[in-house]
Amino acid sequence: MATTKEWLEGARPKTLPAAFVPVAVGTATAAFVGTPLSALSFWFRAVLALVVSLALQVGVNYANDYSDGIRGTDNVRVGPVRLVGQGLAEPSAVKKVAWASFGVAAVAGLLLTLLTQAWWLLIIGVIAILAAWFYTGGPSPYGYAGVGEVSVFIFFGVVAVTGTTFVLTNSLNLLAFLFSIPIGLFACSLLVVNNLRDIPGDTEAGKRTLAVRLGDQRTRALYTFCVLVPFLIVGVLGLCGVGNVPFLPAGALLALVALPMATIPLRRVRRGDTGPDLVKVLVGTARIQLAFGLLLTLGVALS
């Protein structure tokens, strides 16, 4: 029987910045471009968007624990607690918690749909939940086919940032889309380093993640790309804002303050760290993502 601590670890709280950051950036973007909402309505919708994002992240973490566990692909891994793979909890219990989390996301998403009257948001919500489940669930999980990073980029980058800005401004916005690219890349970096660590076990289990397909060295290069390109993008956008491009905030440059934090994780990856040492890289990457996101949020809001 899993303890409360093990259940909390099973939610993988160190991955939650991937859910928090896009909503924060989307909220700051909405404030920058202007919103027709009152302060109370603005923050109520922002909180609902955060609930959707966090619940989806927790749900997909438990869903992956369940699906990987019953397939046996968690049996030889290094890293966080695996409730099913380590025999700490009944698979059915983990599955129920996963779907309960998706249910929370669905309720919050439905409230946002009712408030915005944008009924197409229901379609996006259903697709997001299905994508979360079938990442490792179902007869043909797409996470096993090497396209998990694409899904993460779309849902924890483009959809999360632009969707948050939309529900706060009632319009789709180019700036939100531009910011969604670096945020999506950072979300991908977490998955890339996670799968880099798991290459030996995934190969043995027949799980053909993108890391397995690319191989060790090219996966390390992909991680470097996902971590450094976001800084390049916000740097360019911020400088254009300094150059008086009216819809670009110069304050985006504040995110560059987080760049030195990337030094140690990048060094570890480039020198060939493996196994438990890559768990440290995963933690470091989450911290970079959080710092980058908070600084970008602050910079955009101050602009």
Protein backbone atom coordinates (compact mmCIF):
# COMPACT_ATOMS: atom_id res chain seq x y z
CA MET A 1 0.00 0.00 0.00
CA ALA A 2 1.58 3.26 -1.09
CA THR A 3 2.09 5.96 1.53
CA THR A 4 0.86 9.53 1.11
CA LYS A 5 4.44 10.59 0.41
CA GLU A 6 4.77 7.97 -2.34
CA TRP A 7 1.49 9.07 -3.92
CA LEU A 8 2.73 12.66 -3.92
CA GLU A 9 6.04 11.56 -5.45
CA GLY A 10 4.05 9.59 -8.04
CA ALA A 11 2.52 12.90 -9.16
CA ARG A 12 6.10 13.98 -9.99
CA PRO A 13 5.90 17.50 -8.55
CA LYS A 14 9.26 18.43 -10.09
CA THR A 15 7.56 18.39 -13.51
CA LEU A 16 4.85 20.87 -12.47
CA PRO A 17 6.75 23.97 -13.67
CA ALA A 18 5.90 22.70 -17.18
CA ALA A 19 2.24 23.31 -16.30
CA PHE A 20 2.63 26.51 -14.29
CA VAL A 21 4.98 28.46 -16.57
CA PRO A 22 2.83 28.59 -19.74
CA VAL A 23 -0.19 29.84 -17.80
CA ALA A 24 1.91 32.50 -16.08
CA VAL A 25 3.36 33.69 -19.40
CA GLY A 26 -0.05 33.60 -21.08
CA THR A 27 -1.53 35.65 -18.24
CA ALA A 28 1.22 38.28 -18.43
CA THR A 29 0.78 38.45 -22.20
CA ALA A 30 -2.95 39.08 -21.77
CA ALA A 31 -2.20 41.91 -19.35
CA PHE A 32 0.30 43.39 -21.81
CA VAL A 33 -1.98 43.35 -24.86
CA GLY A 34 -5.04 44.45 -22.90
CA THR A 35 -8.16 42.69 -21.67
CA PRO A 36 -11.84 43.66 -21.59
CA LEU A 37 -12.35 41.83 -18.29
CA SER A 38 -12.66 43.24 -14.79
CA ALA A 39 -9.84 42.39 -12.38
CA LEU A 40 -12.00 39.80 -10.61
CA SER A 41 -13.01 38.06 -13.84
CA PHE A 42 -9.42 38.20 -15.14
CA TRP A 43 -7.92 36.47 -12.13
CA PHE A 44 -10.77 33.97 -11.80
CA ARG A 45 -10.21 32.83 -15.37
CA ALA A 46 -6.43 32.77 -14.86
CA VAL A 47 -6.83 30.48 -11.83
CA LEU A 48 -9.13 28.18 -13.81
CA ALA A 49 -6.56 28.00 -16.61
CA LEU A 50 -3.90 27.08 -14.05
CA VAL A 51 -6.12 24.35 -12.60
CA VAL A 52 -6.60 22.89 -16.09
CA SER A 53 -2.87 22.88 -16.79
CA LEU A 54 -1.79 21.46 -13.42
CA ALA A 55 -4.51 18.80 -13.40
CA LEU A 56 -3.53 17.67 -16.90
CA GLN A 57 0.14 17.45 -15.87
CA VAL A 58 -0.64 15.43 -12.74
CA GLY A 59 -3.06 13.27 -14.70
CA VAL A 60 -0.56 12.43 -17.42
CA ASN A 61 2.08 11.60 -14.79
CA TYR A 62 -0.21 9.07 -13.09
CA ALA A 63 -1.43 7.79 -16.46
CA ASN A 64 2.17 7.16 -17.55
CA ASP A 65 2.88 5.45 -14.24
CA TYR A 66 -0.10 3.15 -14.79
CA SER A 67 0.45 2.37 -18.48
CA ASP A 68 4.22 1.91 -18.26
CA GLY A 69 3.77 -0.14 -15.09
CA ILE A 70 1.35 -2.67 -16.52
CA ARG A 71 3.53 -3.02 -19.62
CA GLY A 72 6.63 -3.64 -17.52
CA THR A 73 8.60 -0.79 -19.09
CA ASP A 74 9.21 0.78 -15.65
CA ASN A 75 10.90 -2.27 -14.19
CA VAL A 76 14.46 -1.31 -15.09
CA ARG A 77 14.40 2.47 -14.83
CA VAL A 78 16.31 4.96 -12.72
CA GLY A 79 14.47 7.98 -11.38
CA PRO A 80 11.33 8.99 -9.48
CA VAL A 81 8.94 6.64 -7.69
CA ARG A 82 6.90 4.36 -9.95
CA LEU A 83 3.79 3.33 -8.06
CA VAL A 84 2.82 0.46 -10.36
CA GLY A 85 6.27 -0.56 -11.59
CA GLN A 86 7.59 -0.86 -8.03
CA GLY A 87 4.47 -2.59 -6.75
CA LEU A 88 3.62 0.24 -4.36
CA ALA A 89 0.00 0.65 -5.46
CA GLU A 90 -2.63 -1.32 -7.31
CA PRO A 91 -2.73 -0.42 -11.02
CA SER A 92 -6.49 0.18 -10.83
CA ALA A 93 -6.00 2.74 -8.05
CA VAL A 94 -3.38 4.66 -10.04
CA LYS A 95 -5.64 4.60 -13.09
CA LYS A 96 -8.53 6.03 -11.05
CA VAL A 97 -6.36 8.86 -9.72
CA ALA A 98 -5.20 9.67 -13.25
CA TRP A 99 -8.77 9.94 -14.52
CA ALA A 100 -9.82 11.89 -11.43
CA SER A 101 -7.13 14.44 -12.32
CA PHE A 102 -8.39 14.57 -15.90
CA GLY A 103 -11.87 15.09 -14.47
CA VAL A 104 -10.70 18.12 -12.50
CA ALA A 105 -9.15 19.54 -15.67
CA ALA A 106 -12.38 18.87 -17.57
CA VAL A 107 -14.56 20.68 -15.01
CA ALA A 108 -12.28 23.73 -14.92
CA GLY A 109 -12.12 23.72 -18.73
CA LEU A 110 -15.91 23.52 -18.97
CA LEU A 111 -16.24 26.56 -16.70
CA LEU A 112 -13.84 28.48 -18.93
CA THR A 113 -15.85 27.45 -21.97
CA LEU A 114 -19.08 28.69 -20.38
CA LEU A 115 -17.44 31.99 -19.41
CA THR A 116 -15.95 32.63 -22.85
CA GLN A 117 -18.77 31.06 -24.89
CA ALA A 118 -16.01 29.67 -27.14
CA TRP A 119 -17.42 26.18 -27.56
CA TRP A 120 -14.48 25.00 -29.64
CA LEU A 121 -12.50 24.98 -26.39
CA LEU A 122 -14.40 21.78 -25.52
CA ILE A 123 -12.87 20.08 -28.55
CA ILE A 124 -9.38 21.24 -27.55
CA GLY A 125 -9.98 19.95 -24.02
CA VAL A 126 -11.12 16.51 -25.18
CA ILE A 127 -8.13 16.23 -27.51
CA ALA A 128 -5.76 17.27 -24.70
CA ILE A 129 -7.12 14.60 -22.33
CA LEU A 130 -6.98 11.92 -25.01
CA ALA A 131 -3.42 12.96 -25.90
CA ALA A 132 -2.45 12.72 -22.22
CA TRP A 133 -3.89 9.22 -21.89
CA PHE A 134 -2.69 7.75 -25.17
CA TYR A 135 0.87 9.04 -24.71
CA THR A 136 1.63 5.71 -23.03
CA GLY A 137 -1.89 4.22 -22.85
CA GLY A 138 -3.97 2.19 -25.28
CA PRO A 139 -2.84 -0.49 -27.74
CA SER A 140 -0.55 1.83 -29.75
CA PRO A 141 0.84 4.58 -27.47
CA TYR A 142 2.36 7.38 -29.53
CA GLY A 143 4.98 8.04 -26.84
CA TYR A 144 6.45 4.67 -27.77
CA ALA A 145 6.65 5.78 -31.40
CA GLY A 146 8.94 8.76 -30.82
CA VAL A 147 6.49 11.65 -31.19
CA GLY A 148 5.93 12.49 -27.53
CA GLU A 149 7.97 15.68 -27.80
CA VAL A 150 5.63 16.98 -30.51
CA SER A 151 2.63 16.53 -28.21
CA VAL A 152 4.40 18.20 -25.28
CA PHE A 153 5.39 21.17 -27.45
CA ILE A 154 1.82 21.59 -28.69
CA PHE A 155 -0.10 21.16 -25.44
CA PHE A 156 2.33 22.56 -22.85
CA GLY A 157 3.58 25.24 -25.21
CA VAL A 158 1.31 26.50 -27.97
CA VAL A 159 -2.07 25.47 -26.54
CA ALA A 160 -1.30 26.38 -22.92
CA VAL A 161 0.14 29.85 -23.60
CA THR A 162 -2.17 30.94 -26.42
CA GLY A 163 -5.17 29.32 -24.74
CA THR A 164 -4.55 31.18 -21.48
CA THR A 165 -4.21 34.49 -23.32
CA PHE A 166 -7.37 33.73 -25.30
CA VAL A 167 -9.60 33.09 -22.29
CA LEU A 168 -8.35 36.36 -20.75
CA THR A 169 -8.67 38.54 -23.86
CA ASN A 170 -11.34 36.73 -25.91
CA SER A 171 -9.01 36.78 -28.93
CA LEU A 172 -6.10 34.82 -30.39
CA ASN A 173 -2.86 36.76 -30.19
CA LEU A 174 0.39 36.65 -32.19
CA LEU A 175 2.56 37.60 -29.20
CA ALA A 176 1.15 34.69 -27.18
CA PHE A 177 2.03 32.33 -30.03
CA LEU A 178 5.58 33.72 -30.24
CA PHE A 179 6.08 33.21 -26.51
CA SER A 180 4.60 29.72 -26.72
CA ILE A 181 7.58 28.56 -28.81
CA PRO A 182 10.28 28.99 -26.11
CA ILE A 183 7.89 27.73 -23.44
CA GLY A 184 7.13 24.65 -25.53
CA LEU A 185 10.82 24.02 -26.11
CA PHE A 186 11.52 24.12 -22.38
CA ALA A 187 8.69 21.64 -21.79
CA CYS A 188 10.30 19.40 -24.43
CA SER A 189 13.69 19.70 -22.74
CA LEU A 190 12.28 17.98 -19.64
CA LEU A 191 11.01 15.06 -21.70
CA VAL A 192 14.22 14.87 -23.75
CA VAL A 193 16.49 14.58 -20.71
CA ASN A 194 14.06 12.14 -19.06
CA ASN A 195 14.12 9.91 -22.14
CA LEU A 196 17.91 10.32 -22.47
CA ARG A 197 18.25 8.86 -19.00
CA ASP A 198 15.90 5.99 -19.89
CA ILE A 199 17.49 4.97 -23.21
CA PRO A 200 18.93 1.68 -21.86
CA GLY A 201 15.69 0.59 -20.18
CA ASP A 202 13.45 1.79 -23.00
CA THR A 203 15.58 0.00 -25.57
CA GLU A 204 15.35 -3.23 -23.60
CA ALA A 205 11.58 -2.80 -23.20
CA GLY A 206 11.05 -2.03 -26.88
CA LYS A 207 9.93 1.52 -26.20
CA ARG A 208 11.00 3.53 -29.28
CA THR A 209 11.07 7.05 -27.83
CA LEU A 210 12.65 9.86 -29.83
CA ALA A 211 15.77 9.47 -27.68
CA VAL A 212 16.02 5.78 -28.56
CA ARG A 213 15.56 6.59 -32.25
CA LEU A 214 18.10 9.43 -32.27
CA GLY A 215 20.67 7.72 -30.10
CA ASP A 216 22.64 9.10 -27.18
CA GLN A 217 24.71 11.83 -28.85
CA ARG A 218 21.99 13.35 -31.01
CA THR A 219 19.60 13.36 -28.06
CA ARG A 220 22.16 15.35 -26.08
CA ALA A 221 22.38 17.81 -28.97
CA LEU A 222 18.57 18.07 -29.02
CA TYR A 223 18.56 18.87 -25.30
CA THR A 224 21.07 21.67 -25.87
CA PHE A 225 18.86 23.06 -28.65
CA CYS A 226 15.72 22.99 -26.48
CA VAL A 227 17.45 24.81 -23.61
CA LEU A 228 19.36 27.50 -25.54
CA VAL A 229 16.94 28.45 -28.34
CA PRO A 230 14.32 29.86 -25.90
CA PHE A 231 16.85 32.42 -24.71
CA LEU A 232 17.65 33.35 -28.32
CA ILE A 233 13.96 33.82 -29.14
CA VAL A 234 13.11 36.05 -26.17
CA GLY A 235 16.32 37.97 -26.71
CA VAL A 236 15.30 38.79 -30.27
CA LEU A 237 11.72 39.64 -29.26
CA GLY A 238 12.93 41.84 -26.40
CA LEU A 239 15.42 43.70 -28.58
CA CYS A 240 12.72 44.32 -31.16
CA GLY A 241 10.63 45.75 -28.33
CA VAL A 242 13.51 48.05 -27.41
CA GLY A 243 13.51 49.03 -31.07
CA ASN A 244 9.93 50.28 -30.65
CA VAL A 245 8.08 47.42 -32.32
CA PRO A 246 4.80 48.26 -30.57
CA PHE A 247 3.42 44.78 -29.91
CA LEU A 248 6.68 43.34 -28.50
CA PRO A 249 7.62 43.93 -24.82
CA ALA A 250 11.20 45.02 -24.17
CA GLY A 251 10.83 43.49 -20.71
CA ALA A 252 11.14 40.03 -22.26
CA LEU A 253 14.90 40.58 -22.03
CA LEU A 254 14.61 40.01 -18.28
CA ALA A 255 14.32 36.27 -18.98
CA LEU A 256 17.96 36.26 -20.09
CA VAL A 257 18.94 36.60 -16.44
CA ALA A 258 18.20 32.88 -16.10
CA LEU A 259 20.77 31.91 -18.75
CA PRO A 260 23.68 31.25 -16.33
CA MET A 261 21.52 28.63 -14.60
CA ALA A 262 21.76 26.52 -17.75
CA THR A 263 25.53 26.16 -17.47
CA ILE A 264 25.69 23.16 -15.13
CA PRO A 265 22.90 21.05 -16.69
CA LEU A 266 24.30 21.67 -20.17
CA ARG A 267 27.79 20.74 -19.01
CA ARG A 268 26.52 17.51 -17.45
CA VAL A 269 24.67 16.53 -20.61
CA ARG A 270 27.54 17.40 -22.94
CA ARG A 271 30.13 15.50 -20.90
CA GLY A 272 28.03 12.33 -21.08
CA ASP A 273 26.40 11.96 -17.67
CA THR A 274 24.04 8.97 -17.41
CA GLY A 275 21.63 7.31 -14.98
CA PRO A 276 21.15 9.02 -11.60
CA ASP A 277 23.32 11.97 -12.68
CA LEU A 278 20.72 12.82 -15.32
CA VAL A 279 18.09 12.99 -12.59
CA LYS A 280 20.06 16.01 -11.32
CA VAL A 281 19.93 17.45 -14.84
CA LEU A 282 16.15 16.95 -14.89
CA VAL A 283 15.80 18.85 -11.60
CA GLY A 284 18.13 21.58 -12.84
CA THR A 285 16.20 21.90 -16.10
CA ALA A 286 12.91 22.32 -14.22
CA ARG A 287 14.52 25.11 -12.18
CA ILE A 288 15.75 26.86 -15.33
CA GLN A 289 12.32 26.57 -16.88
CA LEU A 290 10.68 28.01 -13.77
CA ALA A 291 13.16 30.88 -13.48
CA PHE A 292 12.91 31.64 -17.20
CA GLY A 293 9.12 31.59 -17.08
CA LEU A 294 8.83 33.74 -13.96
CA LEU A 295 11.32 36.32 -15.26
CA LEU A 296 9.58 36.42 -18.64
CA THR A 297 6.24 36.81 -16.89
CA LEU A 298 7.58 39.65 -14.75
CA GLY A 299 9.28 41.35 -17.67
CA VAL A 300 6.18 41.24 -19.86
CA ALA A 301 3.94 42.41 -17.03
CA LEU A 302 6.24 45.34 -16.23
CA SER A 303 6.27 46.31 -19.90
